[in-house]
C-alpha atoms as a PDB file:
ATOM      1  CA  MET A   1      52.031  10.683 129.617  1.00  0.00           C
ATOM      2  CA  PRO A   2      53.119   7.104 130.392  1.00  0.00           C
ATOM      3  CA  ILE A   3      53.110   4.516 127.637  1.00  0.00           C
ATOM      4  CA  VAL A   4      51.112   1.305 127.940  1.00  0.00           C
ATOM      5  CA  PRO A   5      53.729  -1.310 128.965  1.00  0.00           C
ATOM      6  CA  ASP A   6      54.866  -3.863 126.387  1.00  0.00           C
ATOM      7  CA  GLN A   7      54.071  -7.278 127.861  1.00  0.00           C
ATOM      8  CA  LYS A   8      55.384  -9.329 124.903  1.00  0.00           C
ATOM      9  CA  ASP A   9      57.953 -12.061 125.409  1.00  0.00           C
ATOM     10  CA  TRP A  10      60.519 -11.173 122.758  1.00  0.00           C
ATOM     11  CA  THR A  11      62.655 -14.314 123.245  1.00  0.00           C
ATOM     12  CA  TRP A  12      61.069 -15.750 120.070  1.00  0.00           C
ATOM     13  CA  VAL A  13      63.583 -13.625 118.109  1.00  0.00           C
ATOM     14  CA  LEU A  14      66.175 -16.253 119.012  1.00  0.00           C
ATOM     15  CA  SER A  15      64.447 -18.811 116.794  1.00  0.00           C
ATOM     16  CA  ARG A  16      63.380 -16.774 113.761  1.00  0.00           C
ATOM     17  CA  PRO A  17      64.027 -13.390 112.133  1.00  0.00           C
ATOM     18  CA  CYS A  18      61.982 -10.440 113.337  1.00  0.00           C
ATOM     19  CA  PRO A  19      59.379  -9.562 110.682  1.00  0.00           C
ATOM     20  CA  GLU A  20      59.251  -5.938 111.864  1.00  0.00           C
ATOM     21  CA  CYS A  21      62.936  -4.944 111.843  1.00  0.00           C
ATOM     22  CA  GLY A  22      64.397  -7.825 109.805  1.00  0.00           C
ATOM     23  CA  PHE A  23      67.010  -8.763 112.419  1.00  0.00           C
ATOM     24  CA  ASP A  24      68.181 -12.380 112.188  1.00  0.00           C
ATOM     25  CA  ALA A  25      69.698 -13.313 115.539  1.00  0.00           C
ATOM     26  CA  SER A  26      71.285 -16.481 114.182  1.00  0.00           C
ATOM     27  CA  ALA A  27      73.877 -14.378 112.358  1.00  0.00           C
ATOM     28  CA  SER A  28      75.182 -12.769 115.564  1.00  0.00           C
ATOM     29  CA  THR A  29      77.667 -13.899 118.194  1.00  0.00           C
ATOM     30  CA  PRO A  30      79.402 -12.214 121.113  1.00  0.00           C
ATOM     31  CA  ALA A  31      82.413 -11.789 118.786  1.00  0.00           C
ATOM     32  CA  THR A  32      80.361  -9.911 116.158  1.00  0.00           C
ATOM     33  CA  THR A  33      78.522  -7.781 118.707  1.00  0.00           C
ATOM     34  CA  PRO A  34      81.209  -5.059 119.003  1.00  0.00           C
ATOM     35  CA  GLY A  35      81.212  -4.445 115.247  1.00  0.00           C
ATOM     36  CA  THR A  36      77.435  -4.382 115.074  1.00  0.00           C
ATOM     37  CA  LEU A  37      77.296  -1.844 117.892  1.00  0.00           C
ATOM     38  CA  ALA A  38      80.027   0.274 116.286  1.00  0.00           C
ATOM     39  CA  SER A  39      77.883   0.536 113.151  1.00  0.00           C
ATOM     40  CA  MET A  40      74.765   1.515 115.101  1.00  0.00           C
ATOM     41  CA  LEU A  41      76.125   4.143 117.493  1.00  0.00           C
ATOM     42  CA  PRO A  42      76.555   6.841 114.807  1.00  0.00           C
ATOM     43  CA  ARG A  43      72.996   6.190 113.667  1.00  0.00           C
ATOM     44  CA  TRP A  44      71.699   6.672 117.220  1.00  0.00           C
ATOM     45  CA  ARG A  45      73.646   9.931 117.491  1.00  0.00           C
ATOM     46  CA  ALA A  46      72.098  11.126 114.219  1.00  0.00           C
ATOM     47  CA  VAL A  47      68.616  10.301 115.533  1.00  0.00           C
ATOM     48  CA  LEU A  48      69.283  12.384 118.644  1.00  0.00           C
ATOM     49  CA  ARG A  49      70.346  15.391 116.522  1.00  0.00           C
ATOM     50  CA  ARG A  50      66.928  15.542 114.845  1.00  0.00           C
ATOM     51  CA  PRO A  51      64.973  18.666 115.762  1.00  0.00           C
ATOM     52  CA  ASP A  52      61.914  16.526 116.540  1.00  0.00           C
ATOM     53  CA  ALA A  53      63.769  13.883 118.602  1.00  0.00           C
ATOM     54  CA  ALA A  54      61.726  14.672 121.724  1.00  0.00           C
ATOM     55  CA  GLU A  55      58.340  14.599 119.972  1.00  0.00           C
ATOM     56  CA  ARG A  56      56.181  11.517 120.277  1.00  0.00           C
ATOM     57  CA  PRO A  57      54.697  10.379 116.950  1.00  0.00           C
ATOM     58  CA  ASP A  58      51.481   9.668 118.844  1.00  0.00           C
ATOM     59  CA  PRO A  59      50.462   9.602 122.521  1.00  0.00           C
ATOM     60  CA  ASN A  60      51.093   5.852 122.826  1.00  0.00           C
ATOM     61  CA  THR A  61      54.578   5.709 121.292  1.00  0.00           C
ATOM     62  CA  TRP A  62      57.862   6.844 122.772  1.00  0.00           C
ATOM     63  CA  SER A  63      59.764   9.635 121.081  1.00  0.00           C
ATOM     64  CA  ALA A  64      63.148   8.923 119.515  1.00  0.00           C
ATOM     65  CA  LEU A  65      64.684  10.527 122.607  1.00  0.00           C
ATOM     66  CA  GLU A  66      62.802   8.198 124.935  1.00  0.00           C
ATOM     67  CA  TYR A  67      63.854   5.178 122.865  1.00  0.00           C
ATOM     68  CA  ALA A  68      67.461   6.380 122.990  1.00  0.00           C
ATOM     69  CA  CYS A  69      67.283   6.731 126.783  1.00  0.00           C
ATOM     70  CA  HIS A  70      65.928   3.198 126.958  1.00  0.00           C
ATOM     71  CA  VAL A  71      68.721   1.854 124.739  1.00  0.00           C
ATOM     72  CA  ARG A  72      71.329   3.669 126.851  1.00  0.00           C
ATOM     73  CA  ASP A  73      69.900   1.946 129.918  1.00  0.00           C
ATOM     74  CA  VAL A  74      69.728  -1.401 128.101  1.00  0.00           C
ATOM     75  CA  PHE A  75      73.460  -1.036 127.395  1.00  0.00           C
ATOM     76  CA  THR A  76      74.134  -0.467 131.096  1.00  0.00           C
ATOM     77  CA  LEU A  77      71.828  -3.228 132.345  1.00  0.00           C
ATOM     78  CA  PHE A  78      72.968  -5.836 129.847  1.00  0.00           C
ATOM     79  CA  ASP A  79      76.618  -5.064 130.562  1.00  0.00           C
ATOM     80  CA  TYR A  80      75.932  -5.706 134.245  1.00  0.00           C
ATOM     81  CA  ARG A  81      74.053  -8.924 133.468  1.00  0.00           C
ATOM     82  CA  LEU A  82      76.777 -10.077 131.094  1.00  0.00           C
ATOM     83  CA  GLY A  83      79.278  -9.578 133.913  1.00  0.00           C
ATOM     84  CA  LEU A  84      77.130 -11.764 136.149  1.00  0.00           C
ATOM     85  CA  MET A  85      76.966 -14.474 133.499  1.00  0.00           C
ATOM     86  CA  VAL A  86      80.731 -14.715 133.163  1.00  0.00           C
ATOM     87  CA  SER A  87      81.482 -14.435 136.876  1.00  0.00           C
ATOM     88  CA  GLU A  88      78.725 -16.546 138.459  1.00  0.00           C
ATOM     89  CA  ASP A  89      77.437 -20.015 137.713  1.00  0.00           C
ATOM     90  CA  ASP A  90      73.784 -19.872 136.591  1.00  0.00           C
ATOM     91  CA  ALA A  91      73.456 -16.131 137.149  1.00  0.00           C
ATOM     92  CA  ARG A  92      70.019 -14.778 138.084  1.00  0.00           C
ATOM     93  CA  PHE A  93      68.724 -11.444 136.844  1.00  0.00           C
ATOM     94  CA  GLU A  94      66.452  -9.251 138.903  1.00  0.00           C
ATOM     95  CA  ASP A  95      63.351  -7.913 137.195  1.00  0.00           C
ATOM     96  CA  TRP A  96      63.644  -4.546 135.459  1.00  0.00           C
ATOM     97  CA  ASP A  97      60.577  -2.409 134.906  1.00  0.00           C
ATOM     98  CA  GLN A  98      61.611  -0.418 131.865  1.00  0.00           C
ATOM     99  CA  ASP A  99      58.410   1.610 131.843  1.00  0.00           C
ATOM    100  CA  ARG A 100      58.796   2.679 135.462  1.00  0.00           C
ATOM    101  CA  THR A 101      62.418   3.594 134.745  1.00  0.00           C
ATOM    102  CA  ALA A 102      61.286   5.783 131.834  1.00  0.00           C
ATOM    103  CA  VAL A 103      58.977   7.740 134.120  1.00  0.00           C
ATOM    104  CA  GLU A 104      61.310   7.896 137.134  1.00  0.00           C
ATOM    105  CA  GLN A 105      64.249   9.073 135.026  1.00  0.00           C
ATOM    106  CA  ASP A 106      62.097  11.417 132.930  1.00  0.00           C
ATOM    107  CA  TYR A 107      63.165  10.075 129.563  1.00  0.00           C
ATOM    108  CA  ALA A 108      60.817  12.547 127.871  1.00  0.00           C
ATOM    109  CA  GLY A 109      62.589  15.516 129.473  1.00  0.00           C
ATOM    110  CA  ALA A 110      66.163  14.375 128.892  1.00  0.00           C
ATOM    111  CA  ASP A 111      68.720  16.456 127.028  1.00  0.00           C
ATOM    112  CA  PRO A 112      69.366  14.782 123.642  1.00  0.00           C
ATOM    113  CA  ALA A 113      73.025  15.873 123.585  1.00  0.00           C
ATOM    114  CA  GLU A 114      73.654  14.387 127.031  1.00  0.00           C
ATOM    115  CA  VAL A 115      71.825  11.191 126.085  1.00  0.00           C
ATOM    116  CA  SER A 116      73.947  10.930 122.934  1.00  0.00           C
ATOM    117  CA  VAL A 117      77.188  11.109 124.939  1.00  0.00           C
ATOM    118  CA  ALA A 118      75.976   8.606 127.543  1.00  0.00           C
ATOM    119  CA  LEU A 119      74.489   6.209 124.967  1.00  0.00           C
ATOM    120  CA  THR A 120      77.787   6.207 123.071  1.00  0.00           C
ATOM    121  CA  ALA A 121      79.864   5.610 126.210  1.00  0.00           C
ATOM    122  CA  GLU A 122      77.603   2.800 127.441  1.00  0.00           C
ATOM    123  CA  GLY A 123      77.465   1.261 123.961  1.00  0.00           C
ATOM    124  CA  GLU A 124      81.254   1.265 123.700  1.00  0.00           C
ATOM    125  CA  GLN A 125      81.502  -0.260 127.174  1.00  0.00           C
ATOM    126  CA  ILE A 126      79.226  -3.200 126.452  1.00  0.00           C
ATOM    127  CA  ALA A 127      80.921  -3.720 123.086  1.00  0.00           C
ATOM    128  CA  GLU A 128      84.238  -4.054 124.915  1.00  0.00           C
ATOM    129  CA  SER A 129      82.665  -6.445 127.402  1.00  0.00           C
ATOM    130  CA  PHE A 130      81.306  -8.741 124.690  1.00  0.00           C
ATOM    131  CA  GLY A 131      84.601  -8.513 122.824  1.00  0.00           C
ATOM    132  CA  ARG A 132      86.546  -9.864 125.823  1.00  0.00           C
ATOM    133  CA  ILE A 133      84.527 -13.066 126.175  1.00  0.00           C
ATOM    134  CA  PRO A 134      86.334 -16.130 124.829  1.00  0.00           C
ATOM    135  CA  GLU A 135      84.290 -18.554 122.757  1.00  0.00           C
ATOM    136  CA  GLN A 136      84.598 -21.258 125.419  1.00  0.00           C
ATOM    137  CA  ASP A 137      82.469 -19.033 127.712  1.00  0.00           C
ATOM    138  CA  TRP A 138      79.594 -18.514 125.255  1.00  0.00           C
ATOM    139  CA  GLY A 139      77.676 -21.369 126.889  1.00  0.00           C
ATOM    140  CA  ARG A 140      77.624 -19.793 130.360  1.00  0.00           C
ATOM    141  CA  THR A 141      74.053 -19.167 131.512  1.00  0.00           C
ATOM    142  CA  GLY A 142      71.846 -16.580 133.092  1.00  0.00           C
ATOM    143  CA  THR A 143      68.156 -16.673 133.938  1.00  0.00           C
ATOM    144  CA  ARG A 144      65.668 -13.805 133.981  1.00  0.00           C
ATOM    145  CA  SER A 145      63.127 -13.446 136.752  1.00  0.00           C
ATOM    146  CA  ASN A 146      60.421 -14.785 134.404  1.00  0.00           C
ATOM    147  CA  GLY A 147      62.380 -18.011 133.889  1.00  0.00           C
ATOM    148  CA  SER A 148      63.818 -17.249 130.446  1.00  0.00           C
ATOM    149  CA  GLU A 149      67.278 -18.788 130.271  1.00  0.00           C
ATOM    150  CA  PHE A 150      70.070 -17.426 128.129  1.00  0.00           C
ATOM    151  CA  THR A 151      73.576 -18.464 127.252  1.00  0.00           C
ATOM    152  CA  VAL A 152      76.125 -15.737 126.574  1.00  0.00           C
ATOM    153  CA  LEU A 153      75.548 -16.472 122.871  1.00  0.00           C
ATOM    154  CA  THR A 154      71.755 -16.110 122.997  1.00  0.00           C
ATOM    155  CA  PHE A 155      72.091 -13.159 125.370  1.00  0.00           C
ATOM    156  CA  ALA A 156      74.174 -11.327 122.738  1.00  0.00           C
ATOM    157  CA  GLN A 157      71.595 -12.155 120.075  1.00  0.00           C
ATOM    158  CA  TYR A 158      68.638 -11.059 122.206  1.00  0.00           C
ATOM    159  CA  PHE A 159      70.476  -7.878 123.222  1.00  0.00           C
ATOM    160  CA  LEU A 160      71.331  -6.937 119.644  1.00  0.00           C
ATOM    161  CA  HIS A 161      67.759  -7.431 118.521  1.00  0.00           C
ATOM    162  CA  ASP A 162      66.619  -4.934 121.149  1.00  0.00           C
ATOM    163  CA  VAL A 163      69.054  -2.285 119.907  1.00  0.00           C
ATOM    164  CA  VAL A 164      68.404  -2.947 116.204  1.00  0.00           C
ATOM    165  CA  HIS A 165      64.647  -3.070 116.690  1.00  0.00           C
ATOM    166  CA  HIS A 166      64.525   0.242 118.518  1.00  0.00           C
ATOM    167  CA  LEU A 167      66.697   1.860 115.864  1.00  0.00           C
ATOM    168  CA  HIS A 168      64.118   0.586 113.370  1.00  0.00           C
ATOM    169  CA  ASP A 169      61.333   2.014 115.592  1.00  0.00           C
ATOM    170  CA  VAL A 170      62.841   5.500 115.224  1.00  0.00           C
ATOM    171  CA  ASP A 171      63.724   5.188 111.515  1.00  0.00           C
ATOM    172  CA  GLY A 172      67.424   5.360 112.336  1.00  0.00           C
END
């Protein structure tokens, strides 16, 4: 059963801590991103080893497995977008329908062990990508299809909130 799409604009997390997960974006930079990811990847793997990882807590909420699939794909997408930001002036990001992706890629029917391996690999890849960016490039920009503009710095902060928040969603 498809989930009702989340239409919220989460860019507000760049200006104040998230009251739900407690993440404070102001404490993060591209340089701290690799360490933050390294601390979260084992927690995601533990979530995927749960016997109930594929069970939805209710019909309107993704299972831990579906959240993990989403985070794996966030790692891949954000790594691509980060590459655009450092290689193109004023990079533009195409729209991504995360809910359609969940259905098309059958997140609910994925193999947790395979997702764990892929999530780890993609997480390590984007950590390496953030780790290679020199501080003088943190001001490079990218713009989402809805007009939200990011610098590499705010992109790292926004990205980390997504990963931390979803780990919170699954009690990881």
